[in-house]
Amino acid sequence: MIRKASVESADELVWFKSSFSDNSNPNDCVEVAVAPAAVHVRDSKNVPGPQLGVAPTAWAAFVAYAVER
């Protein structure tokens, strides 16, 4: 799953959840925001908390790996 969004700064990140998220508890999910230089990941239960930023190529490799599992 890769979704591209145009953002100018970290304050303008557009966060989204996977369409495969468990709908029985919508807060138990990770959220992703795509920026030109990084893919940002955060816990939906802790929105102001820490975020993980990875290179787009690393995110694509992770998603490809996860799809196989």
PDB file of N, CA and C in Angstrom:
ATOM      1  N   MET A   1       0.856  -1.164   0.000  1.00  0.00           N
ATOM      2  CA  MET A   1       0.000   0.000   0.000  1.00  0.00           C
ATOM      3  C   MET A   1       0.899   1.222   0.000  1.00  0.00           C
ATOM      4  N   ILE A   2       0.841   1.973  -1.034  1.00  0.00           N
ATOM      5  CA  ILE A   2       1.558   3.241  -1.114  1.00  0.00           C
ATOM      6  C   ILE A   2       0.564   4.288  -1.602  1.00  0.00           C
ATOM      7  N   ARG A   3       0.426   5.346  -0.859  1.00  0.00           N
ATOM      8  CA  ARG A   3      -0.441   6.454  -1.267  1.00  0.00           C
ATOM      9  C   ARG A   3       0.410   7.699  -1.258  1.00  0.00           C
ATOM     10  N   LYS A   4       0.364   8.449  -2.320  1.00  0.00           N
ATOM     11  CA  LYS A   4       1.173   9.656  -2.405  1.00  0.00           C
ATOM     12  C   LYS A   4       0.337  10.868  -2.034  1.00  0.00           C
ATOM     13  N   ALA A   5       0.928  11.742  -1.266  1.00  0.00           N
ATOM     14  CA  ALA A   5       0.266  12.989  -0.882  1.00  0.00           C
ATOM     15  C   ALA A   5       1.283  14.105  -1.019  1.00  0.00           C
ATOM     16  N   SER A   6       0.849  15.220  -1.461  1.00  0.00           N
ATOM     17  CA  SER A   6       1.729  16.372  -1.602  1.00  0.00           C
ATOM     18  C   SER A   6       1.670  17.188  -0.324  1.00  0.00           C
ATOM     19  N   VAL A   7       2.807  17.331   0.329  1.00  0.00           N
ATOM     20  CA  VAL A   7       2.871  18.116   1.560  1.00  0.00           C
ATOM     21  C   VAL A   7       4.074  19.046   1.503  1.00  0.00           C
ATOM     22  N   GLU A   8       3.960  20.153   2.188  1.00  0.00           N
ATOM     23  CA  GLU A   8       5.043  21.129   2.209  1.00  0.00           C
ATOM     24  C   GLU A   8       5.860  21.038   3.488  1.00  0.00           C
ATOM     25  N   SER A   9       5.244  20.667   4.624  1.00  0.00           N
ATOM     26  CA  SER A   9       5.959  20.567   5.889  1.00  0.00           C
ATOM     27  C   SER A   9       5.354  19.443   6.715  1.00  0.00           C
ATOM     28  N   ALA A  10       6.051  19.075   7.800  1.00  0.00           N
ATOM     29  CA  ALA A  10       5.576  17.996   8.666  1.00  0.00           C
ATOM     30  C   ALA A  10       4.220  18.323   9.278  1.00  0.00           C
ATOM     31  N   ASP A  11       3.930  19.617   9.450  1.00  0.00           N
ATOM     32  CA  ASP A  11       2.638  20.015  10.019  1.00  0.00           C
ATOM     33  C   ASP A  11       1.484  19.724   9.065  1.00  0.00           C
ATOM     34  N   GLU A  12       1.776  19.541   7.805  1.00  0.00           N
ATOM     35  CA  GLU A  12       0.734  19.333   6.807  1.00  0.00           C
ATOM     36  C   GLU A  12       0.630  17.880   6.349  1.00  0.00           C
ATOM     37  N   LEU A  13       1.195  16.959   7.085  1.00  0.00           N
ATOM     38  CA  LEU A  13       1.120  15.554   6.690  1.00  0.00           C
ATOM     39  C   LEU A  13      -0.335  15.098   6.635  1.00  0.00           C
ATOM     40  N   VAL A  14      -0.638  14.285   5.655  1.00  0.00           N
ATOM     41  CA  VAL A  14      -1.974  13.723   5.495  1.00  0.00           C
ATOM     42  C   VAL A  14      -1.895  12.266   5.938  1.00  0.00           C
ATOM     43  N   TRP A  15      -2.508  11.969   7.082  1.00  0.00           N
ATOM     44  CA  TRP A  15      -2.440  10.631   7.671  1.00  0.00           C
ATOM     45  C   TRP A  15      -3.610   9.787   7.196  1.00  0.00           C
ATOM     46  N   PHE A  16      -3.362   8.495   7.002  1.00  0.00           N
ATOM     47  CA  PHE A  16      -4.436   7.575   6.646  1.00  0.00           C
ATOM     48  C   PHE A  16      -4.140   6.205   7.232  1.00  0.00           C
ATOM     49  N   LYS A  17      -5.204   5.413   7.353  1.00  0.00           N
ATOM     50  CA  LYS A  17      -5.098   4.047   7.858  1.00  0.00           C
ATOM     51  C   LYS A  17      -5.266   3.075   6.707  1.00  0.00           C
ATOM     52  N   SER A  18      -4.725   1.906   6.867  1.00  0.00           N
ATOM     53  CA  SER A  18      -4.856   0.868   5.859  1.00  0.00           C
ATOM     54  C   SER A  18      -6.310   0.453   5.696  1.00  0.00           C
ATOM     55  N   SER A  19      -6.688   0.134   4.494  1.00  0.00           N
ATOM     56  CA  SER A  19      -8.038  -0.389   4.259  1.00  0.00           C
ATOM     57  C   SER A  19      -8.185  -1.778   4.856  1.00  0.00           C
ATOM     58  N   PHE A  20      -7.084  -2.404   5.253  1.00  0.00           N
ATOM     59  CA  PHE A  20      -7.121  -3.713   5.882  1.00  0.00           C
ATOM     60  C   PHE A  20      -7.209  -3.628   7.405  1.00  0.00           C
ATOM     61  N   SER A  21      -7.353  -2.444   7.960  1.00  0.00           N
ATOM     62  CA  SER A  21      -7.452  -2.277   9.400  1.00  0.00           C
ATOM     63  C   SER A  21      -8.688  -2.993   9.929  1.00  0.00           C
ATOM     64  N   ASP A  22      -8.592  -3.471  11.144  1.00  0.00           N
ATOM     65  CA  ASP A  22      -9.710  -4.151  11.793  1.00  0.00           C
ATOM     66  C   ASP A  22     -10.778  -3.121  12.136  1.00  0.00           C
ATOM     67  N   ASN A  23     -11.919  -3.214  11.509  1.00  0.00           N
ATOM     68  CA  ASN A  23     -12.987  -2.240  11.732  1.00  0.00           C
ATOM     69  C   ASN A  23     -13.685  -2.400  13.074  1.00  0.00           C
ATOM     70  N   SER A  24     -13.463  -3.528  13.780  1.00  0.00           N
ATOM     71  CA  SER A  24     -14.113  -3.713  15.073  1.00  0.00           C
ATOM     72  C   SER A  24     -13.526  -2.782  16.130  1.00  0.00           C
ATOM     73  N   ASN A  25     -12.292  -2.355  15.941  1.00  0.00           N
ATOM     74  CA  ASN A  25     -11.665  -1.404  16.857  1.00  0.00           C
ATOM     75  C   ASN A  25     -10.824  -0.442  16.023  1.00  0.00           C
ATOM     76  N   PRO A  26     -11.432   0.605  15.492  1.00  0.00           N
ATOM     77  CA  PRO A  26     -10.733   1.487  14.557  1.00  0.00           C
ATOM     78  C   PRO A  26      -9.547   2.244  15.144  1.00  0.00           C
ATOM     79  N   ASN A  27      -9.401   2.253  16.462  1.00  0.00           N
ATOM     80  CA  ASN A  27      -8.266   2.954  17.070  1.00  0.00           C
ATOM     81  C   ASN A  27      -7.017   2.094  17.167  1.00  0.00           C
ATOM     82  N   ASP A  28      -7.151   0.783  16.950  1.00  0.00           N
ATOM     83  CA  ASP A  28      -5.999  -0.111  17.008  1.00  0.00           C
ATOM     84  C   ASP A  28      -5.393  -0.255  15.623  1.00  0.00           C
ATOM     85  N   CYS A  29      -4.611   0.703  15.251  1.00  0.00           N
ATOM     86  CA  CYS A  29      -4.053   0.690  13.911  1.00  0.00           C
ATOM     87  C   CYS A  29      -2.849   1.617  13.863  1.00  0.00           C
ATOM     88  N   VAL A  30      -2.032   1.415  12.863  1.00  0.00           N
ATOM     89  CA  VAL A  30      -0.999   2.402  12.582  1.00  0.00           C
ATOM     90  C   VAL A  30      -1.527   3.313  11.490  1.00  0.00           C
ATOM     91  N   GLU A  31      -1.043   4.526  11.489  1.00  0.00           N
ATOM     92  CA  GLU A  31      -1.392   5.487  10.453  1.00  0.00           C
ATOM     93  C   GLU A  31      -0.120   5.833   9.689  1.00  0.00           C
ATOM     94  N   VAL A  32      -0.281   6.145   8.425  1.00  0.00           N
ATOM     95  CA  VAL A  32       0.845   6.426   7.550  1.00  0.00           C
ATOM     96  C   VAL A  32       0.622   7.766   6.859  1.00  0.00           C
ATOM     97  N   ALA A  33       1.688   8.520   6.700  1.00  0.00           N
ATOM     98  CA  ALA A  33       1.662   9.764   5.926  1.00  0.00           C
ATOM     99  C   ALA A  33       2.873   9.748   4.998  1.00  0.00           C
ATOM    100  N   VAL A  34       2.631  10.011   3.738  1.00  0.00           N
ATOM    101  CA  VAL A  34       3.700   9.970   2.749  1.00  0.00           C
ATOM    102  C   VAL A  34       4.139  11.392   2.400  1.00  0.00           C
ATOM    103  N   ALA A  35       5.427  11.631   2.506  1.00  0.00           N
ATOM    104  CA  ALA A  35       6.026  12.902   2.121  1.00  0.00           C
ATOM    105  C   ALA A  35       7.093  12.602   1.069  1.00  0.00           C
ATOM    106  N   PRO A  36       7.584  13.604   0.384  1.00  0.00           N
ATOM    107  CA  PRO A  36       8.565  13.337  -0.678  1.00  0.00           C
ATOM    108  C   PRO A  36       9.809  12.580  -0.209  1.00  0.00           C
ATOM    109  N   ALA A  37      10.313  12.884   0.964  1.00  0.00           N
ATOM    110  CA  ALA A  37      11.564  12.272   1.408  1.00  0.00           C
ATOM    111  C   ALA A  37      11.399  11.123   2.394  1.00  0.00           C
ATOM    112  N   ALA A  38      10.189  10.916   2.916  1.00  0.00           N
ATOM    113  CA  ALA A  38      10.007   9.882   3.936  1.00  0.00           C
ATOM    114  C   ALA A  38       8.554   9.444   4.024  1.00  0.00           C
ATOM    115  N   VAL A  39       8.385   8.225   4.513  1.00  0.00           N
ATOM    116  CA  VAL A  39       7.063   7.727   4.873  1.00  0.00           C
ATOM    117  C   VAL A  39       7.026   7.732   6.396  1.00  0.00           C
ATOM    118  N   HIS A  40       6.034   8.409   6.962  1.00  0.00           N
ATOM    119  CA  HIS A  40       5.909   8.556   8.411  1.00  0.00           C
ATOM    120  C   HIS A  40       4.865   7.572   8.918  1.00  0.00           C
ATOM    121  N   VAL A  41       5.160   6.955  10.069  1.00  0.00           N
ATOM    122  CA  VAL A  41       4.264   5.967  10.667  1.00  0.00           C
ATOM    123  C   VAL A  41       4.049   6.351  12.124  1.00  0.00           C
ATOM    124  N   ARG A  42       2.786   6.248  12.579  1.00  0.00           N
ATOM    125  CA  ARG A  42       2.483   6.541  13.986  1.00  0.00           C
ATOM    126  C   ARG A  42       1.393   5.602  14.476  1.00  0.00           C
ATOM    127  N   ASP A  43       1.273   5.516  15.789  1.00  0.00           N
ATOM    128  CA  ASP A  43       0.238   4.719  16.441  1.00  0.00           C
ATOM    129  C   ASP A  43      -1.035   5.559  16.523  1.00  0.00           C
ATOM    130  N   SER A  44      -2.145   5.036  16.019  1.00  0.00           N
ATOM    131  CA  SER A  44      -3.389   5.802  16.018  1.00  0.00           C
ATOM    132  C   SER A  44      -3.920   6.060  17.428  1.00  0.00           C
ATOM    133  N   LYS A  45      -3.460   5.276  18.418  1.00  0.00           N
ATOM    134  CA  LYS A  45      -3.891   5.491  19.799  1.00  0.00           C
ATOM    135  C   LYS A  45      -3.082   6.587  20.489  1.00  0.00           C
ATOM    136  N   ASN A  46      -1.979   7.000  19.863  1.00  0.00           N
ATOM    137  CA  ASN A  46      -1.093   7.995  20.462  1.00  0.00           C
ATOM    138  C   ASN A  46      -0.662   8.984  19.384  1.00  0.00           C
ATOM    139  N   VAL A  47      -1.612   9.710  18.849  1.00  0.00           N
ATOM    140  CA  VAL A  47      -1.367  10.619  17.725  1.00  0.00           C
ATOM    141  C   VAL A  47      -0.263  11.637  18.010  1.00  0.00           C
ATOM    142  N   PRO A  48      -0.223  12.270  19.192  1.00  0.00           N
ATOM    143  CA  PRO A  48       0.856  13.241  19.422  1.00  0.00           C
ATOM    144  C   PRO A  48       2.184  12.578  19.784  1.00  0.00           C
ATOM    145  N   GLY A  49       2.199  11.270  19.914  1.00  0.00           N
ATOM    146  CA  GLY A  49       3.404  10.557  20.328  1.00  0.00           C
ATOM    147  C   GLY A  49       4.442  10.457  19.233  1.00  0.00           C
ATOM    148  N   PRO A  50       5.393   9.582  19.432  1.00  0.00           N
ATOM    149  CA  PRO A  50       6.502   9.468  18.485  1.00  0.00           C
ATOM    150  C   PRO A  50       6.050   8.969  17.115  1.00  0.00           C
ATOM    151  N   GLN A  51       6.821   9.339  16.127  1.00  0.00           N
ATOM    152  CA  GLN A  51       6.585   8.897  14.756  1.00  0.00           C
ATOM    153  C   GLN A  51       7.858   8.259  14.234  1.00  0.00           C
ATOM    154  N   LEU A  52       7.678   7.282  13.385  1.00  0.00           N
ATOM    155  CA  LEU A  52       8.800   6.633  12.725  1.00  0.00           C
ATOM    156  C   LEU A  52       8.839   7.141  11.296  1.00  0.00           C
ATOM    157  N   GLY A  53       9.986   7.558  10.845  1.00  0.00           N
ATOM    158  CA  GLY A  53      10.141   8.002   9.463  1.00  0.00           C
ATOM    159  C   GLY A  53      11.112   7.087   8.747  1.00  0.00           C
ATOM    160  N   VAL A  54      10.721   6.571   7.593  1.00  0.00           N
ATOM    161  CA  VAL A  54      11.587   5.676   6.822  1.00  0.00           C
ATOM    162  C   VAL A  54      11.645   6.154   5.373  1.00  0.00           C
ATOM    163  N   ALA A  55      12.694   5.783   4.702  1.00  0.00           N
ATOM    164  CA  ALA A  55      12.833   6.117   3.286  1.00  0.00           C
ATOM    165  C   ALA A  55      11.722   5.426   2.493  1.00  0.00           C
ATOM    166  N   PRO A  56      11.226   6.064   1.453  1.00  0.00           N
ATOM    167  CA  PRO A  56      10.168   5.441   0.644  1.00  0.00           C
ATOM    168  C   PRO A  56      10.546   4.058   0.125  1.00  0.00           C
ATOM    169  N   THR A  57      11.803   3.841  -0.227  1.00  0.00           N
ATOM    170  CA  THR A  57      12.211   2.520  -0.713  1.00  0.00           C
ATOM    171  C   THR A  57      12.156   1.475   0.398  1.00  0.00           C
ATOM    172  N   ALA A  58      12.507   1.866   1.621  1.00  0.00           N
ATOM    173  CA  ALA A  58      12.421   0.947   2.756  1.00  0.00           C
ATOM    174  C   ALA A  58      10.966   0.606   3.056  1.00  0.00           C
ATOM    175  N   TRP A  59      10.078   1.603   2.970  1.00  0.00           N
ATOM    176  CA  TRP A  59       8.649   1.355   3.206  1.00  0.00           C
ATOM    177  C   TRP A  59       8.104   0.398   2.148  1.00  0.00           C
ATOM    178  N   ALA A  60       8.456   0.610   0.900  1.00  0.00           N
ATOM    179  CA  ALA A  60       7.985  -0.268  -0.177  1.00  0.00           C
ATOM    180  C   ALA A  60       8.463  -1.701   0.053  1.00  0.00           C
ATOM    181  N   ALA A  61       9.699  -1.867   0.505  1.00  0.00           N
ATOM    182  CA  ALA A  61      10.227  -3.204   0.793  1.00  0.00           C
ATOM    183  C   ALA A  61       9.476  -3.835   1.961  1.00  0.00           C
ATOM    184  N   PHE A  62       9.178  -3.047   3.006  1.00  0.00           N
ATOM    185  CA  PHE A  62       8.431  -3.567   4.146  1.00  0.00           C
ATOM    186  C   PHE A  62       7.027  -4.014   3.724  1.00  0.00           C
ATOM    187  N   VAL A  63       6.351  -3.191   2.933  1.00  0.00           N
ATOM    188  CA  VAL A  63       4.989  -3.534   2.490  1.00  0.00           C
ATOM    189  C   VAL A  63       5.028  -4.819   1.644  1.00  0.00           C
ATOM    190  N   ALA A  64       5.988  -4.929   0.762  1.00  0.00           N
ATOM    191  CA  ALA A  64       6.111  -6.139  -0.062  1.00  0.00           C
ATOM    192  C   ALA A  64       6.328  -7.362   0.825  1.00  0.00           C
ATOM    193  N   TYR A  65       7.156  -7.225   1.842  1.00  0.00           N
ATOM    194  CA  TYR A  65       7.396  -8.319   2.792  1.00  0.00           C
ATOM    195  C   TYR A  65       6.126  -8.665   3.553  1.00  0.00           C
ATOM    196  N   ALA A  66       5.412  -7.649   4.047  1.00  0.00           N
ATOM    197  CA  ALA A  66       4.214  -7.886   4.840  1.00  0.00           C
ATOM    198  C   ALA A  66       3.115  -8.560   4.019  1.00  0.00           C
ATOM    199  N   VAL A  67       3.003  -8.228   2.763  1.00  0.00           N
ATOM    200  CA  VAL A  67       1.989  -8.823   1.904  1.00  0.00           C
ATOM    201  C   VAL A  67       2.204 -10.334   1.783  1.00  0.00           C
ATOM    202  N   GLU A  68       3.444 -10.762   1.833  1.00  0.00           N
ATOM    203  CA  GLU A  68       3.763 -12.194   1.711  1.00  0.00           C
ATOM    204  C   GLU A  68       3.413 -12.972   2.967  1.00  0.00           C
ATOM    205  N   ARG A  69       3.200 -12.307   4.074  1.00  0.00           N
ATOM    206  CA  ARG A  69       2.943 -12.978   5.359  1.00  0.00           C
ATOM    207  C   ARG A  69       1.500 -13.176   5.586  1.00  0.00           C
TER     208      ARG A  69
END
